[in-house]
């Protein structure tokens, strides 16, 4: 996704917001100018990019080392309210499983 913006190419996918949100819209030249001329924006962007990189790395590692049940339990621990706000099919997709598999995991009794 960021590569399409940086390389000035069409994105291969879209993102749909599930809740009301605020977004910032920049064209490439305005963005480049902000990075070059606004140290506060540059610092904010750098910190945000680092946090996103760490978050994506952690999620990728979870997919590599954890089973679906463990990913489900991690999500409950990190984002318990998400289960009230987001339809199950999207949660299943985020976890890399089918809605049927998510239903089975949710119905298991874990001791």
PDB file of N, CA and C in Angstrom:
ATOM      1  N   UNK A   1       0.815  -1.186   0.000  1.00  0.00           N
ATOM      2  CA  UNK A   1       0.000   0.000   0.000  1.00  0.00           C
ATOM      3  C   UNK A   1       0.863   1.256   0.000  1.00  0.00           C
ATOM      4  N   UNK A   2       1.777   1.448   0.964  1.00  0.00           N
ATOM      5  CA  UNK A   2       2.602   2.653   0.892  1.00  0.00           C
ATOM      6  C   UNK A   2       3.487   2.667  -0.344  1.00  0.00           C
ATOM      7  N   UNK A   3       3.859   1.476  -0.825  1.00  0.00           N
ATOM      8  CA  UNK A   3       4.725   1.443  -1.996  1.00  0.00           C
ATOM      9  C   UNK A   3       4.049   2.058  -3.213  1.00  0.00           C
ATOM     10  N   UNK A   4       2.737   1.931  -3.326  1.00  0.00           N
ATOM     11  CA  UNK A   4       2.045   2.535  -4.463  1.00  0.00           C
ATOM     12  C   UNK A   4       2.122   4.062  -4.392  1.00  0.00           C
ATOM     13  N   UNK A   5       2.022   4.620  -3.197  1.00  0.00           N
ATOM     14  CA  UNK A   5       2.120   6.076  -3.014  1.00  0.00           C
ATOM     15  C   UNK A   5       3.548   6.546  -3.280  1.00  0.00           C
ATOM     16  N   UNK A   6       4.499   5.853  -2.700  1.00  0.00           N
ATOM     17  CA  UNK A   6       5.900   6.249  -2.836  1.00  0.00           C
ATOM     18  C   UNK A   6       6.376   6.098  -4.277  1.00  0.00           C
ATOM     19  N   UNK A   7       5.967   5.021  -4.942  1.00  0.00           N
ATOM     20  CA  UNK A   7       6.400   4.759  -6.318  1.00  0.00           C
ATOM     21  C   UNK A   7       5.465   5.346  -7.366  1.00  0.00           C
ATOM     22  N   UNK A   8       4.426   6.043  -6.915  1.00  0.00           N
ATOM     23  CA  UNK A   8       3.462   6.679  -7.818  1.00  0.00           C
ATOM     24  C   UNK A   8       2.829   5.665  -8.767  1.00  0.00           C
ATOM     25  N   UNK A   9       2.368   4.549  -8.191  1.00  0.00           N
ATOM     26  CA  UNK A   9       1.706   3.488  -8.949  1.00  0.00           C
ATOM     27  C   UNK A   9       0.326   3.238  -8.356  1.00  0.00           C
ATOM     28  N   UNK A  10      -0.595   2.695  -9.143  1.00  0.00           N
ATOM     29  CA  UNK A  10      -1.916   2.362  -8.588  1.00  0.00           C
ATOM     30  C   UNK A  10      -1.793   1.309  -7.487  1.00  0.00           C
ATOM     31  N   UNK A  11      -2.631   1.438  -6.488  1.00  0.00           N
ATOM     32  CA  UNK A  11      -2.639   0.462  -5.398  1.00  0.00           C
ATOM     33  C   UNK A  11      -3.251  -0.845  -5.875  1.00  0.00           C
ATOM     34  N   UNK A  12      -2.798  -1.945  -5.299  1.00  0.00           N
ATOM     35  CA  UNK A  12      -3.319  -3.255  -5.665  1.00  0.00           C
ATOM     36  C   UNK A  12      -4.579  -3.614  -4.887  1.00  0.00           C
ATOM     37  N   UNK A  13      -4.923  -2.828  -3.864  1.00  0.00           N
ATOM     38  CA  UNK A  13      -6.124  -3.114  -3.083  1.00  0.00           C
ATOM     39  C   UNK A  13      -6.660  -1.833  -2.460  1.00  0.00           C
ATOM     40  N   UNK A  14      -7.823  -1.948  -1.861  1.00  0.00           N
ATOM     41  CA  UNK A  14      -8.451  -0.809  -1.200  1.00  0.00           C
ATOM     42  C   UNK A  14      -8.664  -1.134   0.276  1.00  0.00           C
ATOM     43  N   UNK A  15      -8.915  -0.102   1.032  1.00  0.00           N
ATOM     44  CA  UNK A  15      -9.220  -0.248   2.455  1.00  0.00           C
ATOM     45  C   UNK A  15     -10.576   0.390   2.692  1.00  0.00           C
ATOM     46  N   UNK A  16     -11.400  -0.293   3.445  1.00  0.00           N
ATOM     47  CA  UNK A  16     -12.726   0.216   3.777  1.00  0.00           C
ATOM     48  C   UNK A  16     -12.806   0.409   5.288  1.00  0.00           C
ATOM     49  N   UNK A  17     -13.194   1.598   5.723  1.00  0.00           N
ATOM     50  CA  UNK A  17     -13.352   1.871   7.154  1.00  0.00           C
ATOM     51  C   UNK A  17     -14.633   1.215   7.655  1.00  0.00           C
ATOM     52  N   UNK A  18     -14.557   0.607   8.823  1.00  0.00           N
ATOM     53  CA  UNK A  18     -15.716  -0.055   9.412  1.00  0.00           C
ATOM     54  C   UNK A  18     -16.417   0.845  10.416  1.00  0.00           C
ATOM     55  N   UNK A  19     -15.755   1.916  10.798  1.00  0.00           N
ATOM     56  CA  UNK A  19     -16.293   2.863  11.762  1.00  0.00           C
ATOM     57  C   UNK A  19     -15.968   4.263  11.270  1.00  0.00           C
ATOM     58  N   UNK A  20     -16.674   5.265  11.770  1.00  0.00           N
ATOM     59  CA  UNK A  20     -16.309   6.634  11.403  1.00  0.00           C
ATOM     60  C   UNK A  20     -14.850   6.911  11.781  1.00  0.00           C
ATOM     61  N   UNK A  21     -14.155   7.631  10.916  1.00  0.00           N
ATOM     62  CA  UNK A  21     -12.752   7.924  11.190  1.00  0.00           C
ATOM     63  C   UNK A  21     -12.361   9.233  10.513  1.00  0.00           C
ATOM     64  N   UNK A  22     -11.198   9.708  10.856  1.00  0.00           N
ATOM     65  CA  UNK A  22     -10.619  10.886  10.215  1.00  0.00           C
ATOM     66  C   UNK A  22      -9.436  10.411   9.380  1.00  0.00           C
ATOM     67  N   UNK A  23      -9.332  10.929   8.180  1.00  0.00           N
ATOM     68  CA  UNK A  23      -8.200  10.574   7.326  1.00  0.00           C
ATOM     69  C   UNK A  23      -7.546  11.847   6.809  1.00  0.00           C
ATOM     70  N   UNK A  24      -6.291  11.742   6.490  1.00  0.00           N
ATOM     71  CA  UNK A  24      -5.565  12.844   5.866  1.00  0.00           C
ATOM     72  C   UNK A  24      -5.335  12.467   4.408  1.00  0.00           C
ATOM     73  N   UNK A  25      -5.591  13.399   3.526  1.00  0.00           N
ATOM     74  CA  UNK A  25      -5.413  13.155   2.099  1.00  0.00           C
ATOM     75  C   UNK A  25      -4.330  14.100   1.586  1.00  0.00           C
ATOM     76  N   UNK A  26      -3.302  13.521   0.985  1.00  0.00           N
ATOM     77  CA  UNK A  26      -2.189  14.286   0.436  1.00  0.00           C
ATOM     78  C   UNK A  26      -1.950  13.853  -0.996  1.00  0.00           C
ATOM     79  N   UNK A  27      -1.582  14.797  -1.835  1.00  0.00           N
ATOM     80  CA  UNK A  27      -1.004  14.359  -3.100  1.00  0.00           C
ATOM     81  C   UNK A  27       0.495  14.204  -2.860  1.00  0.00           C
ATOM     82  N   UNK A  28       1.163  13.526  -3.741  1.00  0.00           N
ATOM     83  CA  UNK A  28       2.569  13.168  -3.525  1.00  0.00           C
ATOM     84  C   UNK A  28       3.457  14.393  -3.358  1.00  0.00           C
ATOM     85  N   UNK A  29       3.264  15.399  -4.169  1.00  0.00           N
ATOM     86  CA  UNK A  29       4.154  16.569  -4.084  1.00  0.00           C
ATOM     87  C   UNK A  29       3.957  17.324  -2.768  1.00  0.00           C
ATOM     88  N   UNK A  30       2.708  17.457  -2.298  1.00  0.00           N
ATOM     89  CA  UNK A  30       2.472  18.114  -1.007  1.00  0.00           C
ATOM     90  C   UNK A  30       3.081  17.309   0.139  1.00  0.00           C
ATOM     91  N   UNK A  31       2.952  16.003   0.066  1.00  0.00           N
ATOM     92  CA  UNK A  31       3.528  15.135   1.092  1.00  0.00           C
ATOM     93  C   UNK A  31       5.052  15.279   1.124  1.00  0.00           C
ATOM     94  N   UNK A  32       5.678  15.214  -0.043  1.00  0.00           N
ATOM     95  CA  UNK A  32       7.134  15.358  -0.116  1.00  0.00           C
ATOM     96  C   UNK A  32       7.585  16.717   0.416  1.00  0.00           C
ATOM     97  N   UNK A  33       6.811  17.750   0.110  1.00  0.00           N
ATOM     98  CA  UNK A  33       7.145  19.093   0.586  1.00  0.00           C
ATOM     99  C   UNK A  33       7.023  19.182   2.113  1.00  0.00           C
ATOM    100  N   UNK A  34       5.988  18.576   2.673  1.00  0.00           N
ATOM    101  CA  UNK A  34       5.846  18.552   4.130  1.00  0.00           C
ATOM    102  C   UNK A  34       7.024  17.839   4.786  1.00  0.00           C
ATOM    103  N   UNK A  35       7.406  16.698   4.243  1.00  0.00           N
ATOM    104  CA  UNK A  35       8.550  15.971   4.803  1.00  0.00           C
ATOM    105  C   UNK A  35       9.830  16.796   4.733  1.00  0.00           C
ATOM    106  N   UNK A  36       9.999  17.522   3.661  1.00  0.00           N
ATOM    107  CA  UNK A  36      11.222  18.303   3.479  1.00  0.00           C
ATOM    108  C   UNK A  36      11.254  19.562   4.341  1.00  0.00           C
ATOM    109  N   UNK A  37      10.089  20.155   4.609  1.00  0.00           N
ATOM    110  CA  UNK A  37      10.069  21.482   5.228  1.00  0.00           C
ATOM    111  C   UNK A  37       9.487  21.565   6.629  1.00  0.00           C
ATOM    112  N   UNK A  38       8.875  20.510   7.114  1.00  0.00           N
ATOM    113  CA  UNK A  38       8.214  20.573   8.425  1.00  0.00           C
ATOM    114  C   UNK A  38       8.783  19.483   9.335  1.00  0.00           C
ATOM    115  N   UNK A  39       9.692  19.882  10.220  1.00  0.00           N
ATOM    116  CA  UNK A  39      10.365  18.904  11.081  1.00  0.00           C
ATOM    117  C   UNK A  39       9.379  18.182  11.994  1.00  0.00           C
ATOM    118  N   UNK A  40       8.374  18.876  12.505  1.00  0.00           N
ATOM    119  CA  UNK A  40       7.382  18.228  13.383  1.00  0.00           C
ATOM    120  C   UNK A  40       6.620  17.150  12.618  1.00  0.00           C
ATOM    121  N   UNK A  41       6.220  17.452  11.375  1.00  0.00           N
ATOM    122  CA  UNK A  41       5.534  16.455  10.553  1.00  0.00           C
ATOM    123  C   UNK A  41       6.465  15.287  10.254  1.00  0.00           C
ATOM    124  N   UNK A  42       7.710  15.584   9.924  1.00  0.00           N
ATOM    125  CA  UNK A  42       8.692  14.535   9.622  1.00  0.00           C
ATOM    126  C   UNK A  42       8.888  13.620  10.830  1.00  0.00           C
ATOM    127  N   UNK A  43       9.010  14.204  12.024  1.00  0.00           N
ATOM    128  CA  UNK A  43       9.168  13.406  13.248  1.00  0.00           C
ATOM    129  C   UNK A  43       7.939  12.546  13.502  1.00  0.00           C
ATOM    130  N   UNK A  44       6.751  13.153  13.352  1.00  0.00           N
ATOM    131  CA  UNK A  44       5.498  12.402  13.556  1.00  0.00           C
ATOM    132  C   UNK A  44       5.408  11.244  12.563  1.00  0.00           C
ATOM    133  N   UNK A  45       5.690  11.530  11.301  1.00  0.00           N
ATOM    134  CA  UNK A  45       5.601  10.500  10.271  1.00  0.00           C
ATOM    135  C   UNK A  45       6.589   9.366  10.543  1.00  0.00           C
ATOM    136  N   UNK A  46       7.801   9.717  10.922  1.00  0.00           N
ATOM    137  CA  UNK A  46       8.819   8.710  11.220  1.00  0.00           C
ATOM    138  C   UNK A  46       8.363   7.812  12.369  1.00  0.00           C
ATOM    139  N   UNK A  47       7.879   8.396  13.452  1.00  0.00           N
ATOM    140  CA  UNK A  47       7.415   7.604  14.598  1.00  0.00           C
ATOM    141  C   UNK A  47       6.232   6.718  14.214  1.00  0.00           C
ATOM    142  N   UNK A  48       5.310   7.249  13.441  1.00  0.00           N
ATOM    143  CA  UNK A  48       4.152   6.477  12.989  1.00  0.00           C
ATOM    144  C   UNK A  48       4.596   5.316  12.101  1.00  0.00           C
ATOM    145  N   UNK A  49       5.523   5.577  11.204  1.00  0.00           N
ATOM    146  CA  UNK A  49       6.018   4.525  10.309  1.00  0.00           C
ATOM    147  C   UNK A  49       6.720   3.423  11.098  1.00  0.00           C
ATOM    148  N   UNK A  50       7.508   3.793  12.092  1.00  0.00           N
ATOM    149  CA  UNK A  50       8.194   2.795  12.925  1.00  0.00           C
ATOM    150  C   UNK A  50       7.173   1.949  13.676  1.00  0.00           C
ATOM    151  N   UNK A  51       6.158   2.586  14.260  1.00  0.00           N
ATOM    152  CA  UNK A  51       5.130   1.842  14.995  1.00  0.00           C
ATOM    153  C   UNK A  51       4.375   0.882  14.077  1.00  0.00           C
ATOM    154  N   UNK A  52       4.067   1.320  12.867  1.00  0.00           N
ATOM    155  CA  UNK A  52       3.382   0.447  11.905  1.00  0.00           C
ATOM    156  C   UNK A  52       4.271  -0.727  11.504  1.00  0.00           C
ATOM    157  N   UNK A  53       5.545  -0.470  11.281  1.00  0.00           N
ATOM    158  CA  UNK A  53       6.475  -1.541  10.933  1.00  0.00           C
ATOM    159  C   UNK A  53       6.539  -2.578  12.054  1.00  0.00           C
ATOM    160  N   UNK A  54       6.648  -2.117  13.288  1.00  0.00           N
ATOM    161  CA  UNK A  54       6.694  -3.036  14.426  1.00  0.00           C
ATOM    162  C   UNK A  54       5.397  -3.820  14.557  1.00  0.00           C
ATOM    163  N   UNK A  55       4.277  -3.149  14.364  1.00  0.00           N
ATOM    164  CA  UNK A  55       2.974  -3.802  14.454  1.00  0.00           C
ATOM    165  C   UNK A  55       2.822  -4.880  13.380  1.00  0.00           C
ATOM    166  N   UNK A  56       3.206  -4.556  12.151  1.00  0.00           N
ATOM    167  CA  UNK A  56       3.109  -5.538  11.060  1.00  0.00           C
ATOM    168  C   UNK A  56       4.072  -6.704  11.273  1.00  0.00           C
ATOM    169  N   UNK A  57       5.254  -6.423  11.783  1.00  0.00           N
ATOM    170  CA  UNK A  57       6.216  -7.496  12.068  1.00  0.00           C
ATOM    171  C   UNK A  57       5.676  -8.435  13.136  1.00  0.00           C
ATOM    172  N   UNK A  58       5.070  -7.865  14.160  1.00  0.00           N
ATOM    173  CA  UNK A  58       4.494  -8.673  15.240  1.00  0.00           C
ATOM    174  C   UNK A  58       3.352  -9.540  14.711  1.00  0.00           C
ATOM    175  N   UNK A  59       2.512  -8.973  13.848  1.00  0.00           N
ATOM    176  CA  UNK A  59       1.402  -9.739  13.277  1.00  0.00           C
ATOM    177  C   UNK A  59       1.916 -10.865  12.382  1.00  0.00           C
ATOM    178  N   UNK A  60       2.914 -10.572  11.561  1.00  0.00           N
ATOM    179  CA  UNK A  60       3.502 -11.602  10.700  1.00  0.00           C
ATOM    180  C   UNK A  60       4.104 -12.725  11.539  1.00  0.00           C
ATOM    181  N   UNK A  61       4.813 -12.379  12.588  1.00  0.00           N
ATOM    182  CA  UNK A  61       5.390 -13.389  13.468  1.00  0.00           C
ATOM    183  C   UNK A  61       4.300 -14.247  14.100  1.00  0.00           C
ATOM    184  N   UNK A  62       3.189 -13.628  14.468  1.00  0.00           N
ATOM    185  CA  UNK A  62       2.070 -14.373  15.040  1.00  0.00           C
ATOM    186  C   UNK A  62       1.530 -15.390  14.038  1.00  0.00           C
ATOM    187  N   UNK A  63       1.441 -15.015  12.765  1.00  0.00           N
ATOM    188  CA  UNK A  63       0.970 -15.950  11.737  1.00  0.00           C
ATOM    189  C   UNK A  63       1.952 -17.097  11.541  1.00  0.00           C
ATOM    190  N   UNK A  64       3.234 -16.816  11.698  1.00  0.00           N
ATOM    191  CA  UNK A  64       4.248 -17.848  11.503  1.00  0.00           C
ATOM    192  C   UNK A  64       4.276 -18.828  12.670  1.00  0.00           C
ATOM    193  N   UNK A  65       4.219 -18.320  13.893  1.00  0.00           N
ATOM    194  CA  UNK A  65       4.447 -19.193  15.045  1.00  0.00           C
ATOM    195  C   UNK A  65       3.189 -19.658  15.763  1.00  0.00           C
ATOM    196  N   UNK A  66       2.064 -18.987  15.580  1.00  0.00           N
ATOM    197  CA  UNK A  66       0.865 -19.319  16.351  1.00  0.00           C
ATOM    198  C   UNK A  66      -0.198 -20.023  15.528  1.00  0.00           C
ATOM    199  N   UNK A  67      -0.935 -20.864  16.200  1.00  0.00           N
ATOM    200  CA  UNK A  67      -2.104 -21.502  15.609  1.00  0.00           C
ATOM    201  C   UNK A  67      -3.269 -20.519  15.678  1.00  0.00           C
ATOM    202  N   UNK A  68      -4.327 -20.776  14.893  1.00  0.00           N
ATOM    203  CA  UNK A  68      -5.473 -19.863  14.895  1.00  0.00           C
ATOM    204  C   UNK A  68      -6.037 -19.581  16.294  1.00  0.00           C
ATOM    205  N   UNK A  69      -6.118 -20.590  17.145  1.00  0.00           N
ATOM    206  CA  UNK A  69      -6.634 -20.377  18.500  1.00  0.00           C
ATOM    207  C   UNK A  69      -5.771 -19.372  19.266  1.00  0.00           C
ATOM    208  N   UNK A  70      -4.470 -19.466  19.100  1.00  0.00           N
ATOM    209  CA  UNK A  70      -3.564 -18.540  19.788  1.00  0.00           C
ATOM    210  C   UNK A  70      -3.700 -17.123  19.235  1.00  0.00           C
ATOM    211  N   UNK A  71      -3.882 -17.001  17.916  1.00  0.00           N
ATOM    212  CA  UNK A  71      -4.088 -15.672  17.329  1.00  0.00           C
ATOM    213  C   UNK A  71      -5.396 -15.072  17.833  1.00  0.00           C
ATOM    214  N   UNK A  72      -6.413 -15.911  17.951  1.00  0.00           N
ATOM    215  CA  UNK A  72      -7.706 -15.476  18.489  1.00  0.00           C
ATOM    216  C   UNK A  72      -7.539 -14.984  19.927  1.00  0.00           C
ATOM    217  N   UNK A  73      -6.827 -15.743  20.738  1.00  0.00           N
ATOM    218  CA  UNK A  73      -6.621 -15.357  22.134  1.00  0.00           C
ATOM    219  C   UNK A  73      -5.811 -14.067  22.250  1.00  0.00           C
ATOM    220  N   UNK A  74      -4.823 -13.891  21.382  1.00  0.00           N
ATOM    221  CA  UNK A  74      -4.055 -12.638  21.349  1.00  0.00           C
ATOM    222  C   UNK A  74      -4.965 -11.457  21.032  1.00  0.00           C
ATOM    223  N   UNK A  75      -5.842 -11.646  20.053  1.00  0.00           N
ATOM    224  CA  UNK A  75      -6.749 -10.566  19.668  1.00  0.00           C
ATOM    225  C   UNK A  75      -7.692 -10.213  20.809  1.00  0.00           C
ATOM    226  N   UNK A  76      -8.206 -11.205  21.501  1.00  0.00           N
ATOM    227  CA  UNK A  76      -9.068 -10.946  22.659  1.00  0.00           C
ATOM    228  C   UNK A  76      -8.308 -10.148  23.715  1.00  0.00           C
ATOM    229  N   UNK A  77      -7.066 -10.532  23.963  1.00  0.00           N
ATOM    230  CA  UNK A  77      -6.266  -9.850  24.981  1.00  0.00           C
ATOM    231  C   UNK A  77      -5.940  -8.410  24.583  1.00  0.00           C
ATOM    232  N   UNK A  78      -5.677  -8.190  23.296  1.00  0.00           N
ATOM    233  CA  UNK A  78      -5.244  -6.871  22.834  1.00  0.00           C
ATOM    234  C   UNK A  78      -6.406  -5.947  22.481  1.00  0.00           C
ATOM    235  N   UNK A  79      -7.493  -6.498  21.970  1.00  0.00           N
ATOM    236  CA  UNK A  79      -8.615  -5.693  21.479  1.00  0.00           C
ATOM    237  C   UNK A  79      -9.950  -6.313  21.876  1.00  0.00           C
ATOM    238  N   UNK A  80     -10.264  -6.435  23.147  1.00  0.00           N
ATOM    239  CA  UNK A  80     -11.487  -7.150  23.540  1.00  0.00           C
ATOM    240  C   UNK A  80     -12.774  -6.532  22.990  1.00  0.00           C
ATOM    241  N   UNK A  81     -12.819  -5.228  22.840  1.00  0.00           N
ATOM    242  CA  UNK A  81     -14.048  -4.572  22.374  1.00  0.00           C
ATOM    243  C   UNK A  81     -14.310  -4.784  20.889  1.00  0.00           C
ATOM    244  N   UNK A  82     -13.305  -5.231  20.155  1.00  0.00           N
ATOM    245  CA  UNK A  82     -13.471  -5.391  18.709  1.00  0.00           C
ATOM    246  C   UNK A  82     -14.562  -6.393  18.366  1.00  0.00           C
ATOM    247  N   UNK A  83     -14.782  -7.359  19.253  1.00  0.00           N
ATOM    248  CA  UNK A  83     -15.772  -8.401  18.989  1.00  0.00           C
ATOM    249  C   UNK A  83     -17.201  -7.866  19.058  1.00  0.00           C
ATOM    250  N   UNK A  84     -17.400  -6.723  19.698  1.00  0.00           N
ATOM    251  CA  UNK A  84     -18.714  -6.099  19.727  1.00  0.00           C
ATOM    252  C   UNK A  84     -18.906  -5.129  18.562  1.00  0.00           C
ATOM    253  N   UNK A  85     -17.804  -4.701  17.950  1.00  0.00           N
ATOM    254  CA  UNK A  85     -17.893  -3.656  16.940  1.00  0.00           C
ATOM    255  C   UNK A  85     -17.739  -4.149  15.507  1.00  0.00           C
ATOM    256  N   UNK A  86     -17.114  -5.299  15.319  1.00  0.00           N
ATOM    257  CA  UNK A  86     -16.760  -5.753  13.971  1.00  0.00           C
ATOM    258  C   UNK A  86     -17.437  -7.089  13.676  1.00  0.00           C
ATOM    259  N   UNK A  87     -18.056  -7.225  12.501  1.00  0.00           N
ATOM    260  CA  UNK A  87     -18.678  -8.505  12.134  1.00  0.00           C
ATOM    261  C   UNK A  87     -17.670  -9.657  12.150  1.00  0.00           C
ATOM    262  N   UNK A  88     -18.163 -10.825  12.510  1.00  0.00           N
ATOM    263  CA  UNK A  88     -17.314 -12.008  12.665  1.00  0.00           C
ATOM    264  C   UNK A  88     -16.542 -12.353  11.395  1.00  0.00           C
ATOM    265  N   UNK A  89     -17.128 -12.132  10.233  1.00  0.00           N
ATOM    266  CA  UNK A  89     -16.430 -12.502   8.992  1.00  0.00           C
ATOM    267  C   UNK A  89     -15.151 -11.677   8.804  1.00  0.00           C
ATOM    268  N   UNK A  90     -15.149 -10.430   9.279  1.00  0.00           N
ATOM    269  CA  UNK A  90     -13.954  -9.604   9.170  1.00  0.00           C
ATOM    270  C   UNK A  90     -12.906 -10.003  10.209  1.00  0.00           C
ATOM    271  N   UNK A  91     -13.367 -10.390  11.375  1.00  0.00           N
ATOM    272  CA  UNK A  91     -12.445 -10.882  12.402  1.00  0.00           C
ATOM    273  C   UNK A  91     -11.787 -12.166  11.911  1.00  0.00           C
ATOM    274  N   UNK A  92     -12.580 -13.050  11.332  1.00  0.00           N
ATOM    275  CA  UNK A  92     -12.035 -14.300  10.784  1.00  0.00           C
ATOM    276  C   UNK A  92     -10.985 -13.997   9.714  1.00  0.00           C
ATOM    277  N   UNK A  93     -11.291 -13.088   8.826  1.00  0.00           N
ATOM    278  CA  UNK A  93     -10.344 -12.721   7.776  1.00  0.00           C
ATOM    279  C   UNK A  93      -9.054 -12.170   8.375  1.00  0.00           C
ATOM    280  N   UNK A  94      -9.165 -11.308   9.364  1.00  0.00           N
ATOM    281  CA  UNK A  94      -7.994 -10.737  10.034  1.00  0.00           C
ATOM    282  C   UNK A  94      -7.135 -11.834  10.662  1.00  0.00           C
ATOM    283  N   UNK A  95      -7.793 -12.855  11.210  1.00  0.00           N
ATOM    284  CA  UNK A  95      -7.076 -13.962  11.846  1.00  0.00           C
ATOM    285  C   UNK A  95      -6.555 -14.987  10.839  1.00  0.00           C
ATOM    286  N   UNK A  96      -6.954 -14.849   9.572  1.00  0.00           N
ATOM    287  CA  UNK A  96      -6.499 -15.778   8.540  1.00  0.00           C
ATOM    288  C   UNK A  96      -7.239 -17.098   8.548  1.00  0.00           C
ATOM    289  N   UNK A  97      -8.490 -17.079   8.997  1.00  0.00           N
ATOM    290  CA  UNK A  97      -9.299 -18.298   9.063  1.00  0.00           C
ATOM    291  C   UNK A  97     -10.669 -18.022   8.459  1.00  0.00           C
ATOM    292  N   UNK A  98     -11.452 -19.077   8.266  1.00  0.00           N
ATOM    293  CA  UNK A  98     -12.804 -18.910   7.744  1.00  0.00           C
ATOM    294  C   UNK A  98     -13.750 -18.546   8.885  1.00  0.00           C
ATOM    295  N   UNK A  99     -14.910 -17.956   8.572  1.00  0.00           N
ATOM    296  CA  UNK A  99     -15.902 -17.690   9.615  1.00  0.00           C
ATOM    297  C   UNK A  99     -16.335 -18.960  10.353  1.00  0.00           C
ATOM    298  N   UNK A 100     -16.394 -20.080   9.646  1.00  0.00           N
ATOM    299  CA  UNK A 100     -16.761 -21.352  10.289  1.00  0.00           C
ATOM    300  C   UNK A 100     -15.699 -21.744  11.314  1.00  0.00           C
ATOM    301  N   UNK A 101     -14.431 -21.610  10.952  1.00  0.00           N
ATOM    302  CA  UNK A 101     -13.352 -21.925  11.898  1.00  0.00           C
ATOM    303  C   UNK A 101     -13.396 -21.001  13.107  1.00  0.00           C
ATOM    304  N   UNK A 102     -13.675 -19.729  12.885  1.00  0.00           N
ATOM    305  CA  UNK A 102     -13.789 -18.794  14.007  1.00  0.00           C
ATOM    306  C   UNK A 102     -14.921 -19.205  14.932  1.00  0.00           C
ATOM    307  N   UNK A 103     -16.036 -19.594  14.359  1.00  0.00           N
ATOM    308  CA  UNK A 103     -17.168 -20.044  15.173  1.00  0.00           C
ATOM    309  C   UNK A 103     -16.785 -21.253  16.016  1.00  0.00           C
ATOM    310  N   UNK A 104     -16.058 -22.181  15.431  1.00  0.00           N
ATOM    311  CA  UNK A 104     -15.614 -23.367  16.182  1.00  0.00           C
ATOM    312  C   UNK A 104     -14.681 -22.972  17.324  1.00  0.00           C
ATOM    313  N   UNK A 105     -13.760 -22.072  17.050  1.00  0.00           N
ATOM    314  CA  UNK A 105     -12.829 -21.622  18.091  1.00  0.00           C
ATOM    315  C   UNK A 105     -13.593 -20.944  19.222  1.00  0.00           C
ATOM    316  N   UNK A 106     -14.539 -20.093  18.862  1.00  0.00           N
ATOM    317  CA  UNK A 106     -15.304 -19.360  19.890  1.00  0.00           C
ATOM    318  C   UNK A 106     -16.150 -20.296  20.747  1.00  0.00           C
ATOM    319  N   UNK A 107     -16.590 -21.395  20.178  1.00  0.00           N
ATOM    320  CA  UNK A 107     -17.447 -22.325  20.918  1.00  0.00           C
ATOM    321  C   UNK A 107     -16.672 -23.338  21.754  1.00  0.00           C
ATOM    322  N   UNK A 108     -15.353 -23.393  21.577  1.00  0.00           N
ATOM    323  CA  UNK A 108     -14.538 -24.318  22.381  1.00  0.00           C
ATOM    324  C   UNK A 108     -14.431 -23.807  23.804  1.00  0.00           C
ATOM    325  N   UNK A 109     -14.384 -24.741  24.719  1.00  0.00           N
ATOM    326  CA  UNK A 109     -14.131 -24.406  26.120  1.00  0.00           C
ATOM    327  C   UNK A 109     -12.640 -24.609  26.356  1.00  0.00           C
ATOM    328  N   UNK A 110     -11.955 -23.554  26.736  1.00  0.00           N
ATOM    329  CA  UNK A 110     -10.521 -23.636  26.985  1.00  0.00           C
ATOM    330  C   UNK A 110     -10.293 -23.641  28.487  1.00  0.00           C
ATOM    331  N   UNK A 111      -9.611 -24.683  28.984  1.00  0.00           N
ATOM    332  CA  UNK A 111      -9.348 -24.806  30.424  1.00  0.00           C
ATOM    333  C   UNK A 111      -7.889 -24.579  30.702  1.00  0.00           C
TER     334      UNK A 111
END
